[in-house]
Amino acid sequence: MKYDPVTGPLSREKFAELVAAPYGEAVKEIRKFDPQWGRKPGEKFAWEITATNKMEGRAIIYAADEKEANKIADTIDDGAFDWSSYDSYDIEIISVEPLKGR
């Protein structure tokens, strides 16, 4: 990704578009690069945890930052996940990241 010294990961053209965009539109684009931008300290937002249990499942949690999301992921049980079928084997966390588009 090209990085502009003034506008960061956004092109100057895209930055100009966001400056002129209706209220709230710029934050959606900025949060694609920095999910915590513009949030209050400790404000919780959606994170997606992907895990396996002889199949892959998804769970949506709310956490203020990656540290808190990882802490929740360490203690989450298999009942919190949306599985295509259910097995009670131990789960293995694959990733913890902000829910895209939020």
PDB file of N, CA and C in Angstrom:
ATOM      1  N   MET A   1       0.848  -1.170   0.000  1.00  0.00           N
ATOM      2  CA  MET A   1       0.000   0.000   0.000  1.00  0.00           C
ATOM      3  C   MET A   1       0.899   1.240   0.000  1.00  0.00           C
ATOM      4  N   LYS A   2       0.556   2.191  -0.825  1.00  0.00           N
ATOM      5  CA  LYS A   2       1.283   3.450  -0.903  1.00  0.00           C
ATOM      6  C   LYS A   2       0.897   4.318   0.297  1.00  0.00           C
ATOM      7  N   TYR A   3       1.882   4.973   0.903  1.00  0.00           N
ATOM      8  CA  TYR A   3       1.642   5.782   2.092  1.00  0.00           C
ATOM      9  C   TYR A   3       2.020   7.226   1.798  1.00  0.00           C
ATOM     10  N   ASP A   4       1.045   8.140   1.857  1.00  0.00           N
ATOM     11  CA  ASP A   4       1.274   9.557   1.607  1.00  0.00           C
ATOM     12  C   ASP A   4       1.699  10.220   2.918  1.00  0.00           C
ATOM     13  N   PRO A   5       2.727  11.094   2.901  1.00  0.00           N
ATOM     14  CA  PRO A   5       3.174  11.731   4.147  1.00  0.00           C
ATOM     15  C   PRO A   5       2.133  12.657   4.773  1.00  0.00           C
ATOM     16  N   VAL A   6       1.159  13.103   3.998  1.00  0.00           N
ATOM     17  CA  VAL A   6       0.126  14.000   4.514  1.00  0.00           C
ATOM     18  C   VAL A   6      -1.151  13.247   4.854  1.00  0.00           C
ATOM     19  N   THR A   7      -1.599  12.377   3.969  1.00  0.00           N
ATOM     20  CA  THR A   7      -2.900  11.723   4.138  1.00  0.00           C
ATOM     21  C   THR A   7      -2.796  10.252   4.521  1.00  0.00           C
ATOM     22  N   GLY A   8      -1.581   9.766   4.772  1.00  0.00           N
ATOM     23  CA  GLY A   8      -1.386   8.388   5.212  1.00  0.00           C
ATOM     24  C   GLY A   8      -1.757   7.397   4.132  1.00  0.00           C
ATOM     25  N   PRO A   9      -2.565   6.387   4.457  1.00  0.00           N
ATOM     26  CA  PRO A   9      -2.881   5.340   3.484  1.00  0.00           C
ATOM     27  C   PRO A   9      -3.896   5.775   2.420  1.00  0.00           C
ATOM     28  N   LEU A  10      -4.488   6.953   2.593  1.00  0.00           N
ATOM     29  CA  LEU A  10      -5.464   7.453   1.617  1.00  0.00           C
ATOM     30  C   LEU A  10      -4.774   8.313   0.567  1.00  0.00           C
ATOM     31  N   SER A  11      -5.255   8.234  -0.668  1.00  0.00           N
ATOM     32  CA  SER A  11      -4.739   9.149  -1.688  1.00  0.00           C
ATOM     33  C   SER A  11      -5.248  10.544  -1.353  1.00  0.00           C
ATOM     34  N   ARG A  12      -4.581  11.546  -1.879  1.00  0.00           N
ATOM     35  CA  ARG A  12      -5.040  12.921  -1.610  1.00  0.00           C
ATOM     36  C   ARG A  12      -6.422  13.166  -2.217  1.00  0.00           C
ATOM     37  N   GLU A  13      -6.709  12.509  -3.335  1.00  0.00           N
ATOM     38  CA  GLU A  13      -8.020  12.641  -3.961  1.00  0.00           C
ATOM     39  C   GLU A  13      -9.108  12.041  -3.058  1.00  0.00           C
ATOM     40  N   LYS A  14      -8.846  10.850  -2.527  1.00  0.00           N
ATOM     41  CA  LYS A  14      -9.804  10.195  -1.632  1.00  0.00           C
ATOM     42  C   LYS A  14      -9.986  11.021  -0.363  1.00  0.00           C
ATOM     43  N   PHE A  15      -8.891  11.570   0.158  1.00  0.00           N
ATOM     44  CA  PHE A  15      -8.947  12.416   1.348  1.00  0.00           C
ATOM     45  C   PHE A  15      -9.851  13.631   1.091  1.00  0.00           C
ATOM     46  N   ALA A  16      -9.693  14.265  -0.073  1.00  0.00           N
ATOM     47  CA  ALA A  16     -10.534  15.419  -0.421  1.00  0.00           C
ATOM     48  C   ALA A  16     -12.005  15.017  -0.498  1.00  0.00           C
ATOM     49  N   GLU A  17     -12.285  13.822  -1.055  1.00  0.00           N
ATOM     50  CA  GLU A  17     -13.661  13.323  -1.119  1.00  0.00           C
ATOM     51  C   GLU A  17     -14.239  13.152   0.282  1.00  0.00           C
ATOM     52  N   LEU A  18     -13.440  12.610   1.195  1.00  0.00           N
ATOM     53  CA  LEU A  18     -13.917  12.365   2.554  1.00  0.00           C
ATOM     54  C   LEU A  18     -14.158  13.662   3.310  1.00  0.00           C
ATOM     55  N   VAL A  19     -13.334  14.673   3.050  1.00  0.00           N
ATOM     56  CA  VAL A  19     -13.532  15.985   3.689  1.00  0.00           C
ATOM     57  C   VAL A  19     -14.891  16.556   3.283  1.00  0.00           C
ATOM     58  N   ALA A  20     -15.277  16.345   2.029  1.00  0.00           N
ATOM     59  CA  ALA A  20     -16.541  16.875   1.523  1.00  0.00           C
ATOM     60  C   ALA A  20     -17.724  15.935   1.729  1.00  0.00           C
ATOM     61  N   ALA A  21     -17.482  14.732   2.240  1.00  0.00           N
ATOM     62  CA  ALA A  21     -18.541  13.735   2.403  1.00  0.00           C
ATOM     63  C   ALA A  21     -19.524  14.125   3.499  1.00  0.00           C
ATOM     64  N   PRO A  22     -20.753  13.598   3.436  1.00  0.00           N
ATOM     65  CA  PRO A  22     -21.731  13.850   4.501  1.00  0.00           C
ATOM     66  C   PRO A  22     -21.227  13.333   5.857  1.00  0.00           C
ATOM     67  N   TYR A  23     -21.774  13.891   6.918  1.00  0.00           N
ATOM     68  CA  TYR A  23     -21.365  13.534   8.276  1.00  0.00           C
ATOM     69  C   TYR A  23     -21.396  12.018   8.480  1.00  0.00           C
ATOM     70  N   GLY A  24     -20.315  11.481   9.033  1.00  0.00           N
ATOM     71  CA  GLY A  24     -20.235  10.068   9.370  1.00  0.00           C
ATOM     72  C   GLY A  24     -19.640   9.186   8.293  1.00  0.00           C
ATOM     73  N   GLU A  25     -19.567   9.666   7.065  1.00  0.00           N
ATOM     74  CA  GLU A  25     -19.041   8.844   5.978  1.00  0.00           C
ATOM     75  C   GLU A  25     -17.525   8.695   6.069  1.00  0.00           C
ATOM     76  N   ALA A  26     -16.819   9.756   6.448  1.00  0.00           N
ATOM     77  CA  ALA A  26     -15.356   9.697   6.521  1.00  0.00           C
ATOM     78  C   ALA A  26     -14.898   8.698   7.579  1.00  0.00           C
ATOM     79  N   VAL A  27     -15.587   8.645   8.701  1.00  0.00           N
ATOM     80  CA  VAL A  27     -15.174   7.741   9.781  1.00  0.00           C
ATOM     81  C   VAL A  27     -15.230   6.282   9.326  1.00  0.00           C
ATOM     82  N   LYS A  28     -16.189   5.928   8.477  1.00  0.00           N
ATOM     83  CA  LYS A  28     -16.274   4.553   7.976  1.00  0.00           C
ATOM     84  C   LYS A  28     -15.014   4.180   7.203  1.00  0.00           C
ATOM     85  N   GLU A  29     -14.535   5.095   6.379  1.00  0.00           N
ATOM     86  CA  GLU A  29     -13.329   4.843   5.577  1.00  0.00           C
ATOM     87  C   GLU A  29     -12.085   4.833   6.459  1.00  0.00           C
ATOM     88  N   ILE A  30     -11.982   5.776   7.384  1.00  0.00           N
ATOM     89  CA  ILE A  30     -10.816   5.857   8.271  1.00  0.00           C
ATOM     90  C   ILE A  30     -10.713   4.604   9.132  1.00  0.00           C
ATOM     91  N   ARG A  31     -11.840   4.095   9.607  1.00  0.00           N
ATOM     92  CA  ARG A  31     -11.820   2.912  10.479  1.00  0.00           C
ATOM     93  C   ARG A  31     -11.445   1.637   9.741  1.00  0.00           C
ATOM     94  N   LYS A  32     -11.422   1.657   8.414  1.00  0.00           N
ATOM     95  CA  LYS A  32     -10.888   0.513   7.669  1.00  0.00           C
ATOM     96  C   LYS A  32      -9.392   0.371   7.937  1.00  0.00           C
ATOM     97  N   PHE A  33      -8.727   1.497   8.241  1.00  0.00           N
ATOM     98  CA  PHE A  33      -7.288   1.509   8.498  1.00  0.00           C
ATOM     99  C   PHE A  33      -6.970   1.551   9.988  1.00  0.00           C
ATOM    100  N   ASP A  34      -7.847   2.188  10.772  1.00  0.00           N
ATOM    101  CA  ASP A  34      -7.646   2.329  12.218  1.00  0.00           C
ATOM    102  C   ASP A  34      -8.993   2.157  12.922  1.00  0.00           C
ATOM    103  N   PRO A  35      -9.353   0.908  13.278  1.00  0.00           N
ATOM    104  CA  PRO A  35     -10.681   0.636  13.842  1.00  0.00           C
ATOM    105  C   PRO A  35     -11.003   1.397  15.127  1.00  0.00           C
ATOM    106  N   GLN A  36     -10.009   1.887  15.839  1.00  0.00           N
ATOM    107  CA  GLN A  36     -10.271   2.591  17.091  1.00  0.00           C
ATOM    108  C   GLN A  36     -10.338   4.104  16.912  1.00  0.00           C
ATOM    109  N   TRP A  37     -10.162   4.605  15.686  1.00  0.00           N
ATOM    110  CA  TRP A  37     -10.144   6.041  15.442  1.00  0.00           C
ATOM    111  C   TRP A  37     -11.474   6.671  15.848  1.00  0.00           C
ATOM    112  N   GLY A  38     -11.386   7.759  16.588  1.00  0.00           N
ATOM    113  CA  GLY A  38     -12.569   8.523  16.968  1.00  0.00           C
ATOM    114  C   GLY A  38     -13.407   7.909  18.068  1.00  0.00           C
ATOM    115  N   ARG A  39     -12.948   6.827  18.648  1.00  0.00           N
ATOM    116  CA  ARG A  39     -13.699   6.197  19.738  1.00  0.00           C
ATOM    117  C   ARG A  39     -13.176   6.708  21.077  1.00  0.00           C
ATOM    118  N   LYS A  40     -14.050   6.736  22.062  1.00  0.00           N
ATOM    119  CA  LYS A  40     -13.661   7.145  23.408  1.00  0.00           C
ATOM    120  C   LYS A  40     -12.834   6.036  24.045  1.00  0.00           C
ATOM    121  N   PRO A  41     -11.915   6.376  24.952  1.00  0.00           N
ATOM    122  CA  PRO A  41     -11.157   5.322  25.643  1.00  0.00           C
ATOM    123  C   PRO A  41     -12.116   4.355  26.340  1.00  0.00           C
ATOM    124  N   GLY A  42     -11.919   3.080  26.102  1.00  0.00           N
ATOM    125  CA  GLY A  42     -12.759   2.059  26.712  1.00  0.00           C
ATOM    126  C   GLY A  42     -14.055   1.767  25.974  1.00  0.00           C
ATOM    127  N   GLU A  43     -14.347   2.513  24.895  1.00  0.00           N
ATOM    128  CA  GLU A  43     -15.579   2.265  24.137  1.00  0.00           C
ATOM    129  C   GLU A  43     -15.501   0.907  23.457  1.00  0.00           C
ATOM    130  N   LYS A  44     -16.511   0.111  23.628  1.00  0.00           N
ATOM    131  CA  LYS A  44     -16.535  -1.232  23.048  1.00  0.00           C
ATOM    132  C   LYS A  44     -17.128  -1.190  21.644  1.00  0.00           C
ATOM    133  N   PHE A  45     -16.589  -2.017  20.770  1.00  0.00           N
ATOM    134  CA  PHE A  45     -17.112  -2.160  19.423  1.00  0.00           C
ATOM    135  C   PHE A  45     -16.940  -3.609  18.997  1.00  0.00           C
ATOM    136  N   ALA A  46     -17.554  -3.984  17.898  1.00  0.00           N
ATOM    137  CA  ALA A  46     -17.608  -5.391  17.489  1.00  0.00           C
ATOM    138  C   ALA A  46     -16.259  -5.914  16.993  1.00  0.00           C
ATOM    139  N   TRP A  47     -15.910  -7.100  17.470  1.00  0.00           N
ATOM    140  CA  TRP A  47     -14.729  -7.841  17.023  1.00  0.00           C
ATOM    141  C   TRP A  47     -15.203  -9.215  16.583  1.00  0.00           C
ATOM    142  N   GLU A  48     -14.537  -9.765  15.590  1.00  0.00           N
ATOM    143  CA  GLU A  48     -14.882 -11.098  15.116  1.00  0.00           C
ATOM    144  C   GLU A  48     -13.779 -12.064  15.511  1.00  0.00           C
ATOM    145  N   ILE A  49     -14.171 -13.169  16.132  1.00  0.00           N
ATOM    146  CA  ILE A  49     -13.230 -14.225  16.498  1.00  0.00           C
ATOM    147  C   ILE A  49     -13.509 -15.403  15.569  1.00  0.00           C
ATOM    148  N   THR A  50     -12.476 -15.899  14.929  1.00  0.00           N
ATOM    149  CA  THR A  50     -12.602 -17.096  14.097  1.00  0.00           C
ATOM    150  C   THR A  50     -11.909 -18.233  14.821  1.00  0.00           C
ATOM    151  N   ALA A  51     -12.560 -19.391  14.876  1.00  0.00           N
ATOM    152  CA  ALA A  51     -12.016 -20.535  15.607  1.00  0.00           C
ATOM    153  C   ALA A  51     -12.321 -21.824  14.845  1.00  0.00           C
ATOM    154  N   THR A  52     -11.622 -22.890  15.220  1.00  0.00           N
ATOM    155  CA  THR A  52     -11.923 -24.197  14.641  1.00  0.00           C
ATOM    156  C   THR A  52     -12.297 -25.174  15.747  1.00  0.00           C
ATOM    157  N   ASN A  53     -13.105 -26.121  15.394  1.00  0.00           N
ATOM    158  CA  ASN A  53     -13.531 -27.199  16.268  1.00  0.00           C
ATOM    159  C   ASN A  53     -13.941 -28.338  15.345  1.00  0.00           C
ATOM    160  N   LYS A  54     -12.973 -28.826  14.592  1.00  0.00           N
ATOM    161  CA  LYS A  54     -13.218 -29.782  13.512  1.00  0.00           C
ATOM    162  C   LYS A  54     -14.076 -29.155  12.417  1.00  0.00           C
ATOM    163  N   MET A  55     -14.336 -27.877  12.541  1.00  0.00           N
ATOM    164  CA  MET A  55     -15.025 -27.054  11.554  1.00  0.00           C
ATOM    165  C   MET A  55     -14.762 -25.609  11.950  1.00  0.00           C
ATOM    166  N   GLU A  56     -15.111 -24.661  11.131  1.00  0.00           N
ATOM    167  CA  GLU A  56     -14.871 -23.264  11.462  1.00  0.00           C
ATOM    168  C   GLU A  56     -16.151 -22.607  11.941  1.00  0.00           C
ATOM    169  N   GLY A  57     -16.023 -21.726  12.933  1.00  0.00           N
ATOM    170  CA  GLY A  57     -17.165 -20.993  13.457  1.00  0.00           C
ATOM    171  C   GLY A  57     -16.819 -19.535  13.662  1.00  0.00           C
ATOM    172  N   ARG A  58     -17.843 -18.709  13.886  1.00  0.00           N
ATOM    173  CA  ARG A  58     -17.657 -17.275  14.116  1.00  0.00           C
ATOM    174  C   ARG A  58     -18.402 -16.856  15.364  1.00  0.00           C
ATOM    175  N   ALA A  59     -17.806 -15.922  16.090  1.00  0.00           N
ATOM    176  CA  ALA A  59     -18.467 -15.305  17.242  1.00  0.00           C
ATOM    177  C   ALA A  59     -18.212 -13.812  17.162  1.00  0.00           C
ATOM    178  N   ILE A  60     -19.227 -13.014  17.441  1.00  0.00           N
ATOM    179  CA  ILE A  60     -19.076 -11.567  17.483  1.00  0.00           C
ATOM    180  C   ILE A  60     -19.095 -11.161  18.949  1.00  0.00           C
ATOM    181  N   ILE A  61     -18.062 -10.419  19.364  1.00  0.00           N
ATOM    182  CA  ILE A  61     -17.961  -9.939  20.740  1.00  0.00           C
ATOM    183  C   ILE A  61     -17.801  -8.430  20.720  1.00  0.00           C
ATOM    184  N   TYR A  62     -17.880  -7.797  21.879  1.00  0.00           N
ATOM    185  CA  TYR A  62     -17.647  -6.355  21.986  1.00  0.00           C
ATOM    186  C   TYR A  62     -16.518  -6.128  22.961  1.00  0.00           C
ATOM    187  N   ALA A  63     -15.509  -5.372  22.503  1.00  0.00           N
ATOM    188  CA  ALA A  63     -14.330  -5.080  23.308  1.00  0.00           C
ATOM    189  C   ALA A  63     -13.819  -3.703  22.927  1.00  0.00           C
ATOM    190  N   ALA A  64     -13.119  -3.057  23.850  1.00  0.00           N
ATOM    191  CA  ALA A  64     -12.616  -1.706  23.622  1.00  0.00           C
ATOM    192  C   ALA A  64     -11.335  -1.690  22.804  1.00  0.00           C
ATOM    193  N   ASP A  65     -10.549  -2.760  22.862  1.00  0.00           N
ATOM    194  CA  ASP A  65      -9.295  -2.798  22.130  1.00  0.00           C
ATOM    195  C   ASP A  65      -8.877  -4.251  21.902  1.00  0.00           C
ATOM    196  N   GLU A  66      -7.771  -4.428  21.186  1.00  0.00           N
ATOM    197  CA  GLU A  66      -7.328  -5.777  20.840  1.00  0.00           C
ATOM    198  C   GLU A  66      -6.950  -6.587  22.075  1.00  0.00           C
ATOM    199  N   LYS A  67      -6.375  -5.939  23.076  1.00  0.00           N
ATOM    200  CA  LYS A  67      -5.997  -6.644  24.309  1.00  0.00           C
ATOM    201  C   LYS A  67      -7.229  -7.246  24.978  1.00  0.00           C
ATOM    202  N   GLU A  68      -8.291  -6.447  25.093  1.00  0.00           N
ATOM    203  CA  GLU A  68      -9.521  -6.951  25.710  1.00  0.00           C
ATOM    204  C   GLU A  68     -10.160  -8.030  24.843  1.00  0.00           C
ATOM    205  N   ALA A  69     -10.146  -7.843  23.515  1.00  0.00           N
ATOM    206  CA  ALA A  69     -10.723  -8.844  22.604  1.00  0.00           C
ATOM    207  C   ALA A  69      -9.981 -10.168  22.723  1.00  0.00           C
ATOM    208  N   ASN A  70      -8.654 -10.119  22.809  1.00  0.00           N
ATOM    209  CA  ASN A  70      -7.872 -11.347  22.968  1.00  0.00           C
ATOM    210  C   ASN A  70      -8.149 -12.011  24.309  1.00  0.00           C
ATOM    211  N   LYS A  71      -8.356 -11.212  25.362  1.00  0.00           N
ATOM    212  CA  LYS A  71      -8.661 -11.767  26.685  1.00  0.00           C
ATOM    213  C   LYS A  71     -10.000 -12.517  26.639  1.00  0.00           C
ATOM    214  N   ILE A  72     -10.976 -11.916  25.974  1.00  0.00           N
ATOM    215  CA  ILE A  72     -12.277 -12.576  25.830  1.00  0.00           C
ATOM    216  C   ILE A  72     -12.110 -13.849  24.997  1.00  0.00           C
ATOM    217  N   ALA A  73     -11.323 -13.772  23.928  1.00  0.00           N
ATOM    218  CA  ALA A  73     -11.093 -14.941  23.065  1.00  0.00           C
ATOM    219  C   ALA A  73     -10.458 -16.083  23.837  1.00  0.00           C
ATOM    220  N   ASP A  74      -9.596 -15.764  24.799  1.00  0.00           N
ATOM    221  CA  ASP A  74      -8.947 -16.805  25.598  1.00  0.00           C
ATOM    222  C   ASP A  74      -9.930 -17.556  26.489  1.00  0.00           C
ATOM    223  N   THR A  75     -11.052 -16.917  26.833  1.00  0.00           N
ATOM    224  CA  THR A  75     -11.995 -17.543  27.761  1.00  0.00           C
ATOM    225  C   THR A  75     -13.333 -17.921  27.115  1.00  0.00           C
ATOM    226  N   ILE A  76     -13.494 -17.630  25.823  1.00  0.00           N
ATOM    227  CA  ILE A  76     -14.774 -17.887  25.156  1.00  0.00           C
ATOM    228  C   ILE A  76     -14.995 -19.396  25.027  1.00  0.00           C
ATOM    229  N   ASP A  77     -16.239 -19.827  25.165  1.00  0.00           N
ATOM    230  CA  ASP A  77     -16.512 -21.266  25.017  1.00  0.00           C
ATOM    231  C   ASP A  77     -17.185 -21.539  23.682  1.00  0.00           C
ATOM    232  N   ASP A  78     -17.269 -22.790  23.323  1.00  0.00           N
ATOM    233  CA  ASP A  78     -17.766 -23.148  21.998  1.00  0.00           C
ATOM    234  C   ASP A  78     -19.233 -22.798  21.791  1.00  0.00           C
ATOM    235  N   GLY A  79     -19.980 -22.594  22.869  1.00  0.00           N
ATOM    236  CA  GLY A  79     -21.387 -22.216  22.743  1.00  0.00           C
ATOM    237  C   GLY A  79     -21.584 -20.806  22.210  1.00  0.00           C
ATOM    238  N   ALA A  80     -20.552 -19.968  22.250  1.00  0.00           N
ATOM    239  CA  ALA A  80     -20.652 -18.593  21.768  1.00  0.00           C
ATOM    240  C   ALA A  80     -20.481 -18.499  20.249  1.00  0.00           C
ATOM    241  N   PHE A  81     -20.080 -19.594  19.620  1.00  0.00           N
ATOM    242  CA  PHE A  81     -19.800 -19.587  18.192  1.00  0.00           C
ATOM    243  C   PHE A  81     -20.991 -20.078  17.381  1.00  0.00           C
ATOM    244  N   ASP A  82     -21.099 -19.573  16.164  1.00  0.00           N
ATOM    245  CA  ASP A  82     -22.091 -20.024  15.206  1.00  0.00           C
ATOM    246  C   ASP A  82     -21.425 -21.114  14.376  1.00  0.00           C
ATOM    247  N   TRP A  83     -21.781 -22.375  14.643  1.00  0.00           N
ATOM    248  CA  TRP A  83     -21.188 -23.528  13.949  1.00  0.00           C
ATOM    249  C   TRP A  83     -22.191 -24.078  12.958  1.00  0.00           C
ATOM    250  N   SER A  84     -21.685 -24.754  11.932  1.00  0.00           N
ATOM    251  CA  SER A  84     -22.599 -25.413  10.998  1.00  0.00           C
ATOM    252  C   SER A  84     -23.193 -26.669  11.647  1.00  0.00           C
ATOM    253  N   SER A  85     -22.471 -27.265  12.589  1.00  0.00           N
ATOM    254  CA  SER A  85     -22.991 -28.337  13.437  1.00  0.00           C
ATOM    255  C   SER A  85     -22.251 -28.241  14.763  1.00  0.00           C
ATOM    256  N   TYR A  86     -22.628 -29.032  15.737  1.00  0.00           N
ATOM    257  CA  TYR A  86     -22.062 -28.867  17.078  1.00  0.00           C
ATOM    258  C   TYR A  86     -21.247 -30.075  17.494  1.00  0.00           C
ATOM    259  N   ASP A  87     -20.084 -29.842  18.024  1.00  0.00           N
ATOM    260  CA  ASP A  87     -19.213 -30.846  18.630  1.00  0.00           C
ATOM    261  C   ASP A  87     -18.653 -30.216  19.900  1.00  0.00           C
ATOM    262  N   SER A  88     -18.410 -30.972  20.936  1.00  0.00           N
ATOM    263  CA  SER A  88     -17.925 -30.392  22.184  1.00  0.00           C
ATOM    264  C   SER A  88     -16.426 -30.591  22.379  1.00  0.00           C
ATOM    265  N   TYR A  89     -15.673 -30.539  21.306  1.00  0.00           N
ATOM    266  CA  TYR A  89     -14.222 -30.644  21.401  1.00  0.00           C
ATOM    267  C   TYR A  89     -13.635 -29.273  21.765  1.00  0.00           C
ATOM    268  N   ASP A  90     -12.384 -29.261  22.216  1.00  0.00           N
ATOM    269  CA  ASP A  90     -11.728 -27.993  22.512  1.00  0.00           C
ATOM    270  C   ASP A  90     -11.634 -27.143  21.250  1.00  0.00           C
ATOM    271  N   ILE A  91     -11.781 -25.816  21.436  1.00  0.00           N
ATOM    272  CA  ILE A  91     -11.686 -24.915  20.290  1.00  0.00           C
ATOM    273  C   ILE A  91     -10.280 -24.345  20.195  1.00  0.00           C
ATOM    274  N   GLU A  92      -9.883 -23.998  18.993  1.00  0.00           N
ATOM    275  CA  GLU A  92      -8.593 -23.357  18.738  1.00  0.00           C
ATOM    276  C   GLU A  92      -8.869 -22.013  18.084  1.00  0.00           C
ATOM    277  N   ILE A  93      -8.431 -20.903  18.718  1.00  0.00           N
ATOM    278  CA  ILE A  93      -8.637 -19.567  18.175  1.00  0.00           C
ATOM    279  C   ILE A  93      -7.676 -19.360  17.013  1.00  0.00           C
ATOM    280  N   ILE A  94      -8.203 -18.929  15.857  1.00  0.00           N
ATOM    281  CA  ILE A  94      -7.396 -18.663  14.675  1.00  0.00           C
ATOM    282  C   ILE A  94      -7.060 -17.188  14.567  1.00  0.00           C
ATOM    283  N   SER A  95      -8.042 -16.306  14.802  1.00  0.00           N
ATOM    284  CA  SER A  95      -7.798 -14.877  14.703  1.00  0.00           C
ATOM    285  C   SER A  95      -8.803 -14.097  15.541  1.00  0.00           C
ATOM    286  N   VAL A  96      -8.407 -12.877  15.912  1.00  0.00           N
ATOM    287  CA  VAL A  96      -9.263 -11.916  16.613  1.00  0.00           C
ATOM    288  C   VAL A  96      -9.008 -10.589  15.941  1.00  0.00           C
ATOM    289  N   GLU A  97     -10.049 -10.016  15.299  1.00  0.00           N
ATOM    290  CA  GLU A  97      -9.866  -8.748  14.603  1.00  0.00           C
ATOM    291  C   GLU A  97     -11.162  -7.964  14.602  1.00  0.00           C
ATOM    292  N   PRO A  98     -11.079  -6.638  14.423  1.00  0.00           N
ATOM    293  CA  PRO A  98     -12.305  -5.833  14.384  1.00  0.00           C
ATOM    294  C   PRO A  98     -13.247  -6.328  13.306  1.00  0.00           C
ATOM    295  N   LEU A  99     -14.528  -6.290  13.588  1.00  0.00           N
ATOM    296  CA  LEU A  99     -15.541  -6.696  12.619  1.00  0.00           C
ATOM    297  C   LEU A  99     -15.520  -5.695  11.474  1.00  0.00           C
ATOM    298  N   LYS A 100     -15.347  -6.167  10.269  1.00  0.00           N
ATOM    299  CA  LYS A 100     -15.235  -5.285   9.106  1.00  0.00           C
ATOM    300  C   LYS A 100     -16.545  -4.557   8.851  1.00  0.00           C
ATOM    301  N   GLY A 101     -16.425  -3.296   8.485  1.00  0.00           N
ATOM    302  CA  GLY A 101     -17.597  -2.496   8.158  1.00  0.00           C
ATOM    303  C   GLY A 101     -18.258  -1.855   9.365  1.00  0.00           C
ATOM    304  N   ARG A 102     -17.594  -1.866  10.523  1.00  0.00           N
ATOM    305  CA  ARG A 102     -18.187  -1.256  11.720  1.00  0.00           C
ATOM    306  C   ARG A 102     -17.296  -0.184  12.255  1.00  0.00           C
TER     307      ARG A 102
END
